[in-house]
Amino acid sequence: MKNILTLFALIAAIGIGTAQEVKKNKYVLTGLDGNVIEATLYHDNGVVAQTGFYTLDNKLQGEWISYDTNGNKTAIAKYDNGRKVGSWMFFQGETIKEVTYMNSKIAKVNTFKKDNTQIVSN
């Protein structure tokens, strides 16, 4: 019985010792006056999921970039004090969608191929 317990303890120690280190989300106070918080969020596999900024009252601010679990860029978004603004880009294989926001509402959508050929526009 003592040998079995020793074996289990050894297996547990090896498992814990070789486990991957999980990256924790990172938040850094930044900006000219320390008025925004820079955020880096990670997928479970340790690859960066999103980067961007928060205001001190927790509203999304400025440019946010999203990545898939392989590190490929999937979206670029823009916020102004928590409101969706400007042109957002979504990358889907060979297709790029540009969504333009006004007053946090979709104003226009364009779809392009990566070779800059416009496919659809509204």
PDB file of N, CA and C in Angstrom:
ATOM      1  N   MET A   1       0.833  -1.190   0.000  1.00  0.00           N
ATOM      2  CA  MET A   1       0.000   0.000   0.000  1.00  0.00           C
ATOM      3  C   MET A   1       0.879   1.255   0.000  1.00  0.00           C
ATOM      4  N   LYS A   2       1.965   1.189   0.785  1.00  0.00           N
ATOM      5  CA  LYS A   2       2.873   2.329   0.846  1.00  0.00           C
ATOM      6  C   LYS A   2       3.497   2.596  -0.522  1.00  0.00           C
ATOM      7  N   ASN A   3       3.821   1.532  -1.263  1.00  0.00           N
ATOM      8  CA  ASN A   3       4.402   1.687  -2.600  1.00  0.00           C
ATOM      9  C   ASN A   3       3.413   2.325  -3.572  1.00  0.00           C
ATOM     10  N   ILE A   4       2.130   1.977  -3.450  1.00  0.00           N
ATOM     11  CA  ILE A   4       1.107   2.550  -4.329  1.00  0.00           C
ATOM     12  C   ILE A   4       0.967   4.044  -4.059  1.00  0.00           C
ATOM     13  N   LEU A   5       0.928   4.430  -2.775  1.00  0.00           N
ATOM     14  CA  LEU A   5       0.823   5.845  -2.426  1.00  0.00           C
ATOM     15  C   LEU A   5       2.042   6.624  -2.912  1.00  0.00           C
ATOM     16  N   THR A   6       3.209   6.028  -2.780  1.00  0.00           N
ATOM     17  CA  THR A   6       4.432   6.669  -3.251  1.00  0.00           C
ATOM     18  C   THR A   6       4.384   6.857  -4.768  1.00  0.00           C
ATOM     19  N   LEU A   7       3.888   5.847  -5.483  1.00  0.00           N
ATOM     20  CA  LEU A   7       3.770   5.922  -6.934  1.00  0.00           C
ATOM     21  C   LEU A   7       2.814   7.046  -7.346  1.00  0.00           C
ATOM     22  N   PHE A   8       1.639   7.135  -6.687  1.00  0.00           N
ATOM     23  CA  PHE A   8       0.691   8.207  -6.990  1.00  0.00           C
ATOM     24  C   PHE A   8       1.289   9.582  -6.702  1.00  0.00           C
ATOM     25  N   ALA A   9       2.013   9.709  -5.608  1.00  0.00           N
ATOM     26  CA  ALA A   9       2.641  10.984  -5.266  1.00  0.00           C
ATOM     27  C   ALA A   9       3.679  11.366  -6.316  1.00  0.00           C
ATOM     28  N   LEU A  10       4.446  10.392  -6.793  1.00  0.00           N
ATOM     29  CA  LEU A  10       5.457  10.637  -7.812  1.00  0.00           C
ATOM     30  C   LEU A  10       4.808  11.073  -9.128  1.00  0.00           C
ATOM     31  N   ILE A  11       3.734  10.396  -9.529  1.00  0.00           N
ATOM     32  CA  ILE A  11       3.029  10.754 -10.763  1.00  0.00           C
ATOM     33  C   ILE A  11       2.456  12.161 -10.654  1.00  0.00           C
ATOM     34  N   ALA A  12       1.868  12.495  -9.515  1.00  0.00           N
ATOM     35  CA  ALA A  12       1.303  13.831  -9.310  1.00  0.00           C
ATOM     36  C   ALA A  12       2.392  14.896  -9.373  1.00  0.00           C
ATOM     37  N   ALA A  13       3.535  14.633  -8.765  1.00  0.00           N
ATOM     38  CA  ALA A  13       4.634  15.599  -8.763  1.00  0.00           C
ATOM     39  C   ALA A  13       5.161  15.827 -10.176  1.00  0.00           C
ATOM     40  N   ILE A  14       5.286  14.767 -10.956  1.00  0.00           N
ATOM     41  CA  ILE A  14       5.754  14.903 -12.336  1.00  0.00           C
ATOM     42  C   ILE A  14       4.735  15.689 -13.154  1.00  0.00           C
ATOM     43  N   GLY A  15       3.454  15.390 -12.976  1.00  0.00           N
ATOM     44  CA  GLY A  15       2.394  16.091 -13.708  1.00  0.00           C
ATOM     45  C   GLY A  15       2.378  17.568 -13.396  1.00  0.00           C
ATOM     46  N   ILE A  16       2.523  17.920 -12.138  1.00  0.00           N
ATOM     47  CA  ILE A  16       2.524  19.328 -11.737  1.00  0.00           C
ATOM     48  C   ILE A  16       3.781  20.021 -12.236  1.00  0.00           C
ATOM     49  N   GLY A  17       4.898  19.342 -12.172  1.00  0.00           N
ATOM     50  CA  GLY A  17       6.165  19.934 -12.578  1.00  0.00           C
ATOM     51  C   GLY A  17       6.263  20.188 -14.068  1.00  0.00           C
ATOM     52  N   THR A  18       5.564  19.383 -14.883  1.00  0.00           N
ATOM     53  CA  THR A  18       5.653  19.555 -16.330  1.00  0.00           C
ATOM     54  C   THR A  18       4.460  20.293 -16.914  1.00  0.00           C
ATOM     55  N   ALA A  19       3.530  20.715 -16.087  1.00  0.00           N
ATOM     56  CA  ALA A  19       2.349  21.437 -16.585  1.00  0.00           C
ATOM     57  C   ALA A  19       2.780  22.768 -17.185  1.00  0.00           C
ATOM     58  N   GLN A  20       2.082  23.164 -18.265  1.00  0.00           N
ATOM     59  CA  GLN A  20       2.382  24.444 -18.889  1.00  0.00           C
ATOM     60  C   GLN A  20       1.988  25.581 -17.968  1.00  0.00           C
ATOM     61  N   GLU A  21       2.785  26.614 -17.998  1.00  0.00           N
ATOM     62  CA  GLU A  21       2.443  27.809 -17.231  1.00  0.00           C
ATOM     63  C   GLU A  21       1.325  28.541 -17.962  1.00  0.00           C
ATOM     64  N   VAL A  22       0.246  28.831 -17.264  1.00  0.00           N
ATOM     65  CA  VAL A  22      -0.883  29.537 -17.855  1.00  0.00           C
ATOM     66  C   VAL A  22      -0.617  31.031 -17.759  1.00  0.00           C
ATOM     67  N   LYS A  23      -0.705  31.720 -18.905  1.00  0.00           N
ATOM     68  CA  LYS A  23      -0.497  33.166 -18.885  1.00  0.00           C
ATOM     69  C   LYS A  23      -1.729  33.836 -18.316  1.00  0.00           C
ATOM     70  N   LYS A  24      -1.500  34.803 -17.470  1.00  0.00           N
ATOM     71  CA  LYS A  24      -2.595  35.553 -16.865  1.00  0.00           C
ATOM     72  C   LYS A  24      -2.786  36.850 -17.635  1.00  0.00           C
ATOM     73  N   ASN A  25      -4.024  37.300 -17.705  1.00  0.00           N
ATOM     74  CA  ASN A  25      -4.309  38.570 -18.361  1.00  0.00           C
ATOM     75  C   ASN A  25      -3.516  39.678 -17.688  1.00  0.00           C
ATOM     76  N   LYS A  26      -3.062  40.652 -18.490  1.00  0.00           N
ATOM     77  CA  LYS A  26      -2.200  41.719 -17.979  1.00  0.00           C
ATOM     78  C   LYS A  26      -2.893  43.065 -18.171  1.00  0.00           C
ATOM     79  N   TYR A  27      -2.865  43.884 -17.129  1.00  0.00           N
ATOM     80  CA  TYR A  27      -3.458  45.222 -17.168  1.00  0.00           C
ATOM     81  C   TYR A  27      -2.420  46.217 -16.655  1.00  0.00           C
ATOM     82  N   VAL A  28      -2.115  47.263 -17.443  1.00  0.00           N
ATOM     83  CA  VAL A  28      -1.090  48.236 -17.077  1.00  0.00           C
ATOM     84  C   VAL A  28      -1.659  49.645 -17.231  1.00  0.00           C
ATOM     85  N   LEU A  29      -1.548  50.454 -16.176  1.00  0.00           N
ATOM     86  CA  LEU A  29      -1.970  51.856 -16.237  1.00  0.00           C
ATOM     87  C   LEU A  29      -1.008  52.595 -17.156  1.00  0.00           C
ATOM     88  N   THR A  30      -1.547  53.295 -18.147  1.00  0.00           N
ATOM     89  CA  THR A  30      -0.702  53.946 -19.142  1.00  0.00           C
ATOM     90  C   THR A  30      -1.382  55.223 -19.641  1.00  0.00           C
ATOM     91  N   GLY A  31      -0.892  55.797 -20.701  1.00  0.00           N
ATOM     92  CA  GLY A  31      -1.446  57.045 -21.233  1.00  0.00           C
ATOM     93  C   GLY A  31      -0.637  58.217 -20.718  1.00  0.00           C
ATOM     94  N   LEU A  32      -0.795  59.354 -21.346  1.00  0.00           N
ATOM     95  CA  LEU A  32      -0.014  60.532 -20.968  1.00  0.00           C
ATOM     96  C   LEU A  32      -0.223  60.923 -19.516  1.00  0.00           C
ATOM     97  N   ASP A  33      -1.452  60.839 -19.050  1.00  0.00           N
ATOM     98  CA  ASP A  33      -1.767  61.220 -17.669  1.00  0.00           C
ATOM     99  C   ASP A  33      -2.172  60.016 -16.821  1.00  0.00           C
ATOM    100  N   GLY A  34      -1.818  58.820 -17.256  1.00  0.00           N
ATOM    101  CA  GLY A  34      -2.250  57.628 -16.534  1.00  0.00           C
ATOM    102  C   GLY A  34      -3.758  57.463 -16.592  1.00  0.00           C
ATOM    103  N   ASN A  35      -4.342  57.847 -17.739  1.00  0.00           N
ATOM    104  CA  ASN A  35      -5.796  57.881 -17.838  1.00  0.00           C
ATOM    105  C   ASN A  35      -6.411  56.689 -18.555  1.00  0.00           C
ATOM    106  N   VAL A  36      -5.609  55.722 -18.983  1.00  0.00           N
ATOM    107  CA  VAL A  36      -6.139  54.502 -19.585  1.00  0.00           C
ATOM    108  C   VAL A  36      -5.401  53.289 -19.037  1.00  0.00           C
ATOM    109  N   ILE A  37      -6.047  52.143 -19.165  1.00  0.00           N
ATOM    110  CA  ILE A  37      -5.455  50.884 -18.725  1.00  0.00           C
ATOM    111  C   ILE A  37      -5.221  50.036 -19.967  1.00  0.00           C
ATOM    112  N   GLU A  38      -3.969  49.673 -20.212  1.00  0.00           N
ATOM    113  CA  GLU A  38      -3.640  48.812 -21.347  1.00  0.00           C
ATOM    114  C   GLU A  38      -3.896  47.372 -20.938  1.00  0.00           C
ATOM    115  N   ALA A  39      -4.616  46.626 -21.780  1.00  0.00           N
ATOM    116  CA  ALA A  39      -4.976  45.249 -21.455  1.00  0.00           C
ATOM    117  C   ALA A  39      -4.430  44.291 -22.503  1.00  0.00           C
ATOM    118  N   THR A  40      -3.917  43.151 -22.039  1.00  0.00           N
ATOM    119  CA  THR A  40      -3.543  42.042 -22.905  1.00  0.00           C
ATOM    120  C   THR A  40      -4.229  40.812 -22.338  1.00  0.00           C
ATOM    121  N   LEU A  41      -5.111  40.212 -23.134  1.00  0.00           N
ATOM    122  CA  LEU A  41      -5.882  39.049 -22.704  1.00  0.00           C
ATOM    123  C   LEU A  41      -5.401  37.831 -23.485  1.00  0.00           C
ATOM    124  N   TYR A  42      -5.380  36.661 -22.834  1.00  0.00           N
ATOM    125  CA  TYR A  42      -4.808  35.458 -23.432  1.00  0.00           C
ATOM    126  C   TYR A  42      -5.842  34.350 -23.596  1.00  0.00           C
ATOM    127  N   HIS A  43      -5.657  33.542 -24.657  1.00  0.00           N
ATOM    128  CA  HIS A  43      -6.415  32.299 -24.814  1.00  0.00           C
ATOM    129  C   HIS A  43      -5.880  31.293 -23.795  1.00  0.00           C
ATOM    130  N   ASP A  44      -6.603  30.195 -23.594  1.00  0.00           N
ATOM    131  CA  ASP A  44      -6.166  29.156 -22.657  1.00  0.00           C
ATOM    132  C   ASP A  44      -4.813  28.563 -23.037  1.00  0.00           C
ATOM    133  N   ASN A  45      -4.459  28.585 -24.340  1.00  0.00           N
ATOM    134  CA  ASN A  45      -3.180  28.015 -24.767  1.00  0.00           C
ATOM    135  C   ASN A  45      -2.009  28.992 -24.626  1.00  0.00           C
ATOM    136  N   GLY A  46      -2.261  30.189 -24.064  1.00  0.00           N
ATOM    137  CA  GLY A  46      -1.198  31.158 -23.830  1.00  0.00           C
ATOM    138  C   GLY A  46      -0.993  32.161 -24.945  1.00  0.00           C
ATOM    139  N   VAL A  47      -1.660  31.980 -26.081  1.00  0.00           N
ATOM    140  CA  VAL A  47      -1.552  32.912 -27.202  1.00  0.00           C
ATOM    141  C   VAL A  47      -2.413  34.141 -26.903  1.00  0.00           C
ATOM    142  N   VAL A  48      -1.926  35.310 -27.305  1.00  0.00           N
ATOM    143  CA  VAL A  48      -2.676  36.550 -27.080  1.00  0.00           C
ATOM    144  C   VAL A  48      -4.030  36.459 -27.782  1.00  0.00           C
ATOM    145  N   ALA A  49      -5.106  36.790 -27.063  1.00  0.00           N
ATOM    146  CA  ALA A  49      -6.465  36.787 -27.610  1.00  0.00           C
ATOM    147  C   ALA A  49      -6.883  38.194 -28.019  1.00  0.00           C
ATOM    148  N   GLN A  50      -6.576  39.192 -27.182  1.00  0.00           N
ATOM    149  CA  GLN A  50      -6.961  40.576 -27.463  1.00  0.00           C
ATOM    150  C   GLN A  50      -5.971  41.536 -26.823  1.00  0.00           C
ATOM    151  N   THR A  51      -5.796  42.667 -27.483  1.00  0.00           N
ATOM    152  CA  THR A  51      -5.050  43.774 -26.886  1.00  0.00           C
ATOM    153  C   THR A  51      -5.886  45.031 -27.064  1.00  0.00           C
ATOM    154  N   GLY A  52      -5.820  45.916 -26.094  1.00  0.00           N
ATOM    155  CA  GLY A  52      -6.575  47.154 -26.196  1.00  0.00           C
ATOM    156  C   GLY A  52      -6.484  47.967 -24.923  1.00  0.00           C
ATOM    157  N   PHE A  53      -7.406  48.908 -24.779  1.00  0.00           N
ATOM    158  CA  PHE A  53      -7.370  49.841 -23.658  1.00  0.00           C
ATOM    159  C   PHE A  53      -8.746  49.983 -23.025  1.00  0.00           C
ATOM    160  N   TYR A  54      -8.741  50.268 -21.730  1.00  0.00           N
ATOM    161  CA  TYR A  54      -9.940  50.605 -20.967  1.00  0.00           C
ATOM    162  C   TYR A  54      -9.761  52.005 -20.392  1.00  0.00           C
ATOM    163  N   THR A  55     -10.871  52.720 -20.210  1.00  0.00           N
ATOM    164  CA  THR A  55     -10.820  53.957 -19.443  1.00  0.00           C
ATOM    165  C   THR A  55     -10.754  53.573 -17.972  1.00  0.00           C
ATOM    166  N   LEU A  56     -10.494  54.529 -17.116  1.00  0.00           N
ATOM    167  CA  LEU A  56     -10.424  54.236 -15.680  1.00  0.00           C
ATOM    168  C   LEU A  56     -11.771  53.807 -15.118  1.00  0.00           C
ATOM    169  N   ASP A  57     -12.869  54.134 -15.823  1.00  0.00           N
ATOM    170  CA  ASP A  57     -14.181  53.670 -15.367  1.00  0.00           C
ATOM    171  C   ASP A  57     -14.650  52.444 -16.160  1.00  0.00           C
ATOM    172  N   ASN A  58     -13.681  51.646 -16.662  1.00  0.00           N
ATOM    173  CA  ASN A  58     -13.914  50.334 -17.282  1.00  0.00           C
ATOM    174  C   ASN A  58     -14.656  50.359 -18.613  1.00  0.00           C
ATOM    175  N   LYS A  59     -14.519  51.405 -19.397  1.00  0.00           N
ATOM    176  CA  LYS A  59     -15.122  51.447 -20.726  1.00  0.00           C
ATOM    177  C   LYS A  59     -14.030  51.183 -21.759  1.00  0.00           C
ATOM    178  N   LEU A  60     -14.387  50.439 -22.811  1.00  0.00           N
ATOM    179  CA  LEU A  60     -13.427  50.173 -23.875  1.00  0.00           C
ATOM    180  C   LEU A  60     -13.035  51.487 -24.540  1.00  0.00           C
ATOM    181  N   GLN A  61     -11.727  51.607 -24.874  1.00  0.00           N
ATOM    182  CA  GLN A  61     -11.223  52.865 -25.423  1.00  0.00           C
ATOM    183  C   GLN A  61     -10.165  52.581 -26.476  1.00  0.00           C
ATOM    184  N   GLY A  62     -10.214  53.326 -27.578  1.00  0.00           N
ATOM    185  CA  GLY A  62      -9.175  53.214 -28.589  1.00  0.00           C
ATOM    186  C   GLY A  62      -9.264  51.931 -29.396  1.00  0.00           C
ATOM    187  N   GLU A  63      -8.127  51.522 -29.925  1.00  0.00           N
ATOM    188  CA  GLU A  63      -8.074  50.356 -30.811  1.00  0.00           C
ATOM    189  C   GLU A  63      -7.949  49.058 -30.018  1.00  0.00           C
ATOM    190  N   TRP A  64      -8.766  48.076 -30.393  1.00  0.00           N
ATOM    191  CA  TRP A  64      -8.702  46.721 -29.846  1.00  0.00           C
ATOM    192  C   TRP A  64      -8.416  45.777 -31.001  1.00  0.00           C
ATOM    193  N   ILE A  65      -7.481  44.863 -30.792  1.00  0.00           N
ATOM    194  CA  ILE A  65      -7.143  43.875 -31.818  1.00  0.00           C
ATOM    195  C   ILE A  65      -7.402  42.493 -31.237  1.00  0.00           C
ATOM    196  N   SER A  66      -8.083  41.652 -32.020  1.00  0.00           N
ATOM    197  CA  SER A  66      -8.401  40.282 -31.601  1.00  0.00           C
ATOM    198  C   SER A  66      -7.620  39.287 -32.451  1.00  0.00           C
ATOM    199  N   TYR A  67      -7.245  38.159 -31.825  1.00  0.00           N
ATOM    200  CA  TYR A  67      -6.479  37.108 -32.489  1.00  0.00           C
ATOM    201  C   TYR A  67      -7.132  35.760 -32.217  1.00  0.00           C
ATOM    202  N   ASP A  68      -6.972  34.817 -33.164  1.00  0.00           N
ATOM    203  CA  ASP A  68      -7.466  33.464 -32.915  1.00  0.00           C
ATOM    204  C   ASP A  68      -6.438  32.699 -32.083  1.00  0.00           C
ATOM    205  N   THR A  69      -6.722  31.436 -31.785  1.00  0.00           N
ATOM    206  CA  THR A  69      -5.845  30.646 -30.909  1.00  0.00           C
ATOM    207  C   THR A  69      -4.496  30.334 -31.546  1.00  0.00           C
ATOM    208  N   ASN A  70      -4.342  30.589 -32.851  1.00  0.00           N
ATOM    209  CA  ASN A  70      -3.053  30.399 -33.519  1.00  0.00           C
ATOM    210  C   ASN A  70      -2.269  31.700 -33.644  1.00  0.00           C
ATOM    211  N   GLY A  71      -2.845  32.812 -33.160  1.00  0.00           N
ATOM    212  CA  GLY A  71      -2.164  34.099 -33.223  1.00  0.00           C
ATOM    213  C   GLY A  71      -2.461  34.907 -34.470  1.00  0.00           C
ATOM    214  N   ASN A  72      -3.383  34.429 -35.316  1.00  0.00           N
ATOM    215  CA  ASN A  72      -3.764  35.176 -36.516  1.00  0.00           C
ATOM    216  C   ASN A  72      -4.744  36.283 -36.153  1.00  0.00           C
ATOM    217  N   LYS A  73      -4.536  37.462 -36.723  1.00  0.00           N
ATOM    218  CA  LYS A  73      -5.412  38.599 -36.454  1.00  0.00           C
ATOM    219  C   LYS A  73      -6.798  38.317 -37.027  1.00  0.00           C
ATOM    220  N   THR A  74      -7.847  38.507 -36.209  1.00  0.00           N
ATOM    221  CA  THR A  74      -9.223  38.272 -36.662  1.00  0.00           C
ATOM    222  C   THR A  74     -10.039  39.551 -36.740  1.00  0.00           C
ATOM    223  N   ALA A  75      -9.681  40.575 -35.976  1.00  0.00           N
ATOM    224  CA  ALA A  75     -10.478  41.804 -35.991  1.00  0.00           C
ATOM    225  C   ALA A  75      -9.680  42.975 -35.440  1.00  0.00           C
ATOM    226  N   ILE A  76     -10.008  44.157 -35.957  1.00  0.00           N
ATOM    227  CA  ILE A  76      -9.512  45.418 -35.411  1.00  0.00           C
ATOM    228  C   ILE A  76     -10.742  46.279 -35.160  1.00  0.00           C
ATOM    229  N   ALA A  77     -10.916  46.709 -33.930  1.00  0.00           N
ATOM    230  CA  ALA A  77     -12.096  47.484 -33.544  1.00  0.00           C
ATOM    231  C   ALA A  77     -11.654  48.804 -32.920  1.00  0.00           C
ATOM    232  N   LYS A  78     -12.564  49.788 -32.936  1.00  0.00           N
ATOM    233  CA  LYS A  78     -12.258  51.094 -32.337  1.00  0.00           C
ATOM    234  C   LYS A  78     -13.410  51.527 -31.447  1.00  0.00           C
ATOM    235  N   TYR A  79     -13.031  52.049 -30.282  1.00  0.00           N
ATOM    236  CA  TYR A  79     -14.015  52.520 -29.305  1.00  0.00           C
ATOM    237  C   TYR A  79     -13.667  53.930 -28.852  1.00  0.00           C
ATOM    238  N   ASP A  80     -14.690  54.673 -28.497  1.00  0.00           N
ATOM    239  CA  ASP A  80     -14.517  55.978 -27.872  1.00  0.00           C
ATOM    240  C   ASP A  80     -15.395  56.007 -26.630  1.00  0.00           C
ATOM    241  N   ASN A  81     -14.754  55.857 -25.480  1.00  0.00           N
ATOM    242  CA  ASN A  81     -15.460  55.869 -24.198  1.00  0.00           C
ATOM    243  C   ASN A  81     -16.598  54.842 -24.165  1.00  0.00           C
ATOM    244  N   GLY A  82     -16.299  53.630 -24.661  1.00  0.00           N
ATOM    245  CA  GLY A  82     -17.264  52.536 -24.639  1.00  0.00           C
ATOM    246  C   GLY A  82     -18.175  52.455 -25.848  1.00  0.00           C
ATOM    247  N   ARG A  83     -18.128  53.447 -26.724  1.00  0.00           N
ATOM    248  CA  ARG A  83     -18.988  53.458 -27.914  1.00  0.00           C
ATOM    249  C   ARG A  83     -18.209  52.977 -29.132  1.00  0.00           C
ATOM    250  N   LYS A  84     -18.859  52.166 -29.972  1.00  0.00           N
ATOM    251  CA  LYS A  84     -18.251  51.693 -31.208  1.00  0.00           C
ATOM    252  C   LYS A  84     -18.160  52.865 -32.180  1.00  0.00           C
ATOM    253  N   VAL A  85     -16.962  53.081 -32.748  1.00  0.00           N
ATOM    254  CA  VAL A  85     -16.757  54.194 -33.677  1.00  0.00           C
ATOM    255  C   VAL A  85     -15.897  53.759 -34.855  1.00  0.00           C
ATOM    256  N   GLY A  86     -16.010  54.508 -35.942  1.00  0.00           N
ATOM    257  CA  GLY A  86     -15.113  54.338 -37.071  1.00  0.00           C
ATOM    258  C   GLY A  86     -15.238  53.012 -37.790  1.00  0.00           C
ATOM    259  N   SER A  87     -14.179  52.680 -38.524  1.00  0.00           N
ATOM    260  CA  SER A  87     -14.146  51.454 -39.321  1.00  0.00           C
ATOM    261  C   SER A  87     -13.553  50.307 -38.525  1.00  0.00           C
ATOM    262  N   TRP A  88     -14.275  49.214 -38.507  1.00  0.00           N
ATOM    263  CA  TRP A  88     -13.799  47.977 -37.903  1.00  0.00           C
ATOM    264  C   TRP A  88     -13.465  47.025 -39.040  1.00  0.00           C
ATOM    265  N   MET A  89     -12.428  46.223 -38.862  1.00  0.00           N
ATOM    266  CA  MET A  89     -12.020  45.264 -39.878  1.00  0.00           C
ATOM    267  C   MET A  89     -12.116  43.856 -39.299  1.00  0.00           C
ATOM    268  N   PHE A  90     -12.717  42.945 -40.082  1.00  0.00           N
ATOM    269  CA  PHE A  90     -12.837  41.540 -39.692  1.00  0.00           C
ATOM    270  C   PHE A  90     -12.149  40.703 -40.765  1.00  0.00           C
ATOM    271  N   PHE A  91     -11.208  39.851 -40.352  1.00  0.00           N
ATOM    272  CA  PHE A  91     -10.420  39.044 -41.278  1.00  0.00           C
ATOM    273  C   PHE A  91     -10.908  37.603 -41.214  1.00  0.00           C
ATOM    274  N   GLN A  92     -11.413  37.106 -42.363  1.00  0.00           N
ATOM    275  CA  GLN A  92     -11.967  35.755 -42.435  1.00  0.00           C
ATOM    276  C   GLN A  92     -11.377  35.057 -43.651  1.00  0.00           C
ATOM    277  N   GLY A  93     -10.274  34.360 -43.465  1.00  0.00           N
ATOM    278  CA  GLY A  93      -9.620  33.697 -44.589  1.00  0.00           C
ATOM    279  C   GLY A  93      -9.135  34.721 -45.599  1.00  0.00           C
ATOM    280  N   GLU A  94      -9.604  34.608 -46.838  1.00  0.00           N
ATOM    281  CA  GLU A  94      -9.217  35.537 -47.900  1.00  0.00           C
ATOM    282  C   GLU A  94     -10.145  36.748 -47.980  1.00  0.00           C
ATOM    283  N   THR A  95     -11.109  36.829 -47.064  1.00  0.00           N
ATOM    284  CA  THR A  95     -12.103  37.903 -47.083  1.00  0.00           C
ATOM    285  C   THR A  95     -11.876  38.873 -45.931  1.00  0.00           C
ATOM    286  N   ILE A  96     -12.048  40.152 -46.219  1.00  0.00           N
ATOM    287  CA  ILE A  96     -11.974  41.200 -45.198  1.00  0.00           C
ATOM    288  C   ILE A  96     -13.299  41.952 -45.219  1.00  0.00           C
ATOM    289  N   LYS A  97     -13.918  42.081 -44.052  1.00  0.00           N
ATOM    290  CA  LYS A  97     -15.139  42.879 -43.941  1.00  0.00           C
ATOM    291  C   LYS A  97     -14.809  44.160 -43.202  1.00  0.00           C
ATOM    292  N   GLU A  98     -15.246  45.267 -43.782  1.00  0.00           N
ATOM    293  CA  GLU A  98     -15.093  46.564 -43.141  1.00  0.00           C
ATOM    294  C   GLU A  98     -16.486  47.020 -42.708  1.00  0.00           C
ATOM    295  N   VAL A  99     -16.656  47.202 -41.417  1.00  0.00           N
ATOM    296  CA  VAL A  99     -17.933  47.652 -40.868  1.00  0.00           C
ATOM    297  C   VAL A  99     -17.705  49.040 -40.287  1.00  0.00           C
ATOM    298  N   THR A 100     -18.465  50.023 -40.774  1.00  0.00           N
ATOM    299  CA  THR A 100     -18.330  51.397 -40.299  1.00  0.00           C
ATOM    300  C   THR A 100     -19.449  51.706 -39.317  1.00  0.00           C
ATOM    301  N   TYR A 101     -19.055  52.229 -38.152  1.00  0.00           N
ATOM    302  CA  TYR A 101     -20.018  52.563 -37.095  1.00  0.00           C
ATOM    303  C   TYR A 101     -20.172  54.074 -36.969  1.00  0.00           C
ATOM    304  N   MET A 102     -21.422  54.496 -36.745  1.00  0.00           N
ATOM    305  CA  MET A 102     -21.739  55.881 -36.384  1.00  0.00           C
ATOM    306  C   MET A 102     -22.721  55.808 -35.224  1.00  0.00           C
ATOM    307  N   ASN A 103     -22.417  56.492 -34.139  1.00  0.00           N
ATOM    308  CA  ASN A 103     -23.266  56.468 -32.938  1.00  0.00           C
ATOM    309  C   ASN A 103     -23.497  55.045 -32.436  1.00  0.00           C
ATOM    310  N   SER A 104     -22.467  54.219 -32.477  1.00  0.00           N
ATOM    311  CA  SER A 104     -22.503  52.823 -32.029  1.00  0.00           C
ATOM    312  C   SER A 104     -23.447  51.947 -32.847  1.00  0.00           C
ATOM    313  N   LYS A 105     -23.827  52.395 -34.042  1.00  0.00           N
ATOM    314  CA  LYS A 105     -24.692  51.600 -34.917  1.00  0.00           C
ATOM    315  C   LYS A 105     -24.001  51.413 -36.259  1.00  0.00           C
ATOM    316  N   ILE A 106     -24.274  50.271 -36.890  1.00  0.00           N
ATOM    317  CA  ILE A 106     -23.666  49.991 -38.188  1.00  0.00           C
ATOM    318  C   ILE A 106     -24.219  50.955 -39.231  1.00  0.00           C
ATOM    319  N   ALA A 107     -23.310  51.665 -39.895  1.00  0.00           N
ATOM    320  CA  ALA A 107     -23.696  52.613 -40.937  1.00  0.00           C
ATOM    321  C   ALA A 107     -23.424  52.047 -42.330  1.00  0.00           C
ATOM    322  N   LYS A 108     -22.391  51.195 -42.445  1.00  0.00           N
ATOM    323  CA  LYS A 108     -22.001  50.688 -43.754  1.00  0.00           C
ATOM    324  C   LYS A 108     -21.192  49.414 -43.586  1.00  0.00           C
ATOM    325  N   VAL A 109     -21.335  48.495 -44.560  1.00  0.00           N
ATOM    326  CA  VAL A 109     -20.544  47.263 -44.573  1.00  0.00           C
ATOM    327  C   VAL A 109     -19.971  47.078 -45.972  1.00  0.00           C
ATOM    328  N   ASN A 110     -18.667  46.862 -46.061  1.00  0.00           N
ATOM    329  CA  ASN A 110     -17.992  46.540 -47.318  1.00  0.00           C
ATOM    330  C   ASN A 110     -17.280  45.212 -47.141  1.00  0.00           C
ATOM    331  N   THR A 111     -17.279  44.402 -48.189  1.00  0.00           N
ATOM    332  CA  THR A 111     -16.566  43.131 -48.160  1.00  0.00           C
ATOM    333  C   THR A 111     -15.550  43.128 -49.291  1.00  0.00           C
ATOM    334  N   PHE A 112     -14.310  42.769 -48.961  1.00  0.00           N
ATOM    335  CA  PHE A 112     -13.217  42.759 -49.923  1.00  0.00           C
ATOM    336  C   PHE A 112     -12.526  41.410 -49.902  1.00  0.00           C
ATOM    337  N   LYS A 113     -11.837  41.092 -51.014  1.00  0.00           N
ATOM    338  CA  LYS A 113     -10.880  39.990 -51.013  1.00  0.00           C
ATOM    339  C   LYS A 113      -9.539  40.600 -50.630  1.00  0.00           C
ATOM    340  N   LYS A 114      -8.616  39.774 -50.181  1.00  0.00           N
ATOM    341  CA  LYS A 114      -7.320  40.298 -49.747  1.00  0.00           C
ATOM    342  C   LYS A 114      -6.560  41.004 -50.868  1.00  0.00           C
ATOM    343  N   ASP A 115      -6.900  40.732 -52.119  1.00  0.00           N
ATOM    344  CA  ASP A 115      -6.227  41.412 -53.232  1.00  0.00           C
ATOM    345  C   ASP A 115      -6.837  42.780 -53.518  1.00  0.00           C
ATOM    346  N   ASN A 116      -7.689  43.272 -52.595  1.00  0.00           N
ATOM    347  CA  ASN A 116      -8.307  44.600 -52.646  1.00  0.00           C
ATOM    348  C   ASN A 116      -9.491  44.686 -53.610  1.00  0.00           C
ATOM    349  N   THR A 117     -10.017  43.543 -54.077  1.00  0.00           N
ATOM    350  CA  THR A 117     -11.197  43.526 -54.929  1.00  0.00           C
ATOM    351  C   THR A 117     -12.436  43.627 -54.058  1.00  0.00           C
ATOM    352  N   GLN A 118     -13.272  44.634 -54.324  1.00  0.00           N
ATOM    353  CA  GLN A 118     -14.496  44.784 -53.535  1.00  0.00           C
ATOM    354  C   GLN A 118     -15.522  43.771 -54.021  1.00  0.00           C
ATOM    355  N   ILE A 119     -16.129  43.048 -53.066  1.00  0.00           N
ATOM    356  CA  ILE A 119     -17.111  42.028 -53.406  1.00  0.00           C
ATOM    357  C   ILE A 119     -18.520  42.561 -53.208  1.00  0.00           C
ATOM    358  N   VAL A 120     -18.800  43.091 -52.025  1.00  0.00           N
ATOM    359  CA  VAL A 120     -20.145  43.544 -51.671  1.00  0.00           C
ATOM    360  C   VAL A 120     -20.044  44.858 -50.922  1.00  0.00           C
ATOM    361  N   SER A 121     -21.011  45.722 -51.138  1.00  0.00           N
ATOM    362  CA  SER A 121     -21.089  46.980 -50.401  1.00  0.00           C
ATOM    363  C   SER A 121     -22.549  47.322 -50.193  1.00  0.00           C
ATOM    364  N   ASN A 122     -22.848  47.977 -49.072  1.00  0.00           N
ATOM    365  CA  ASN A 122     -24.230  48.440 -48.875  1.00  0.00           C
ATOM    366  C   ASN A 122     -24.244  49.912 -48.577  1.00  0.00           C
TER     367      ASN A 122
END
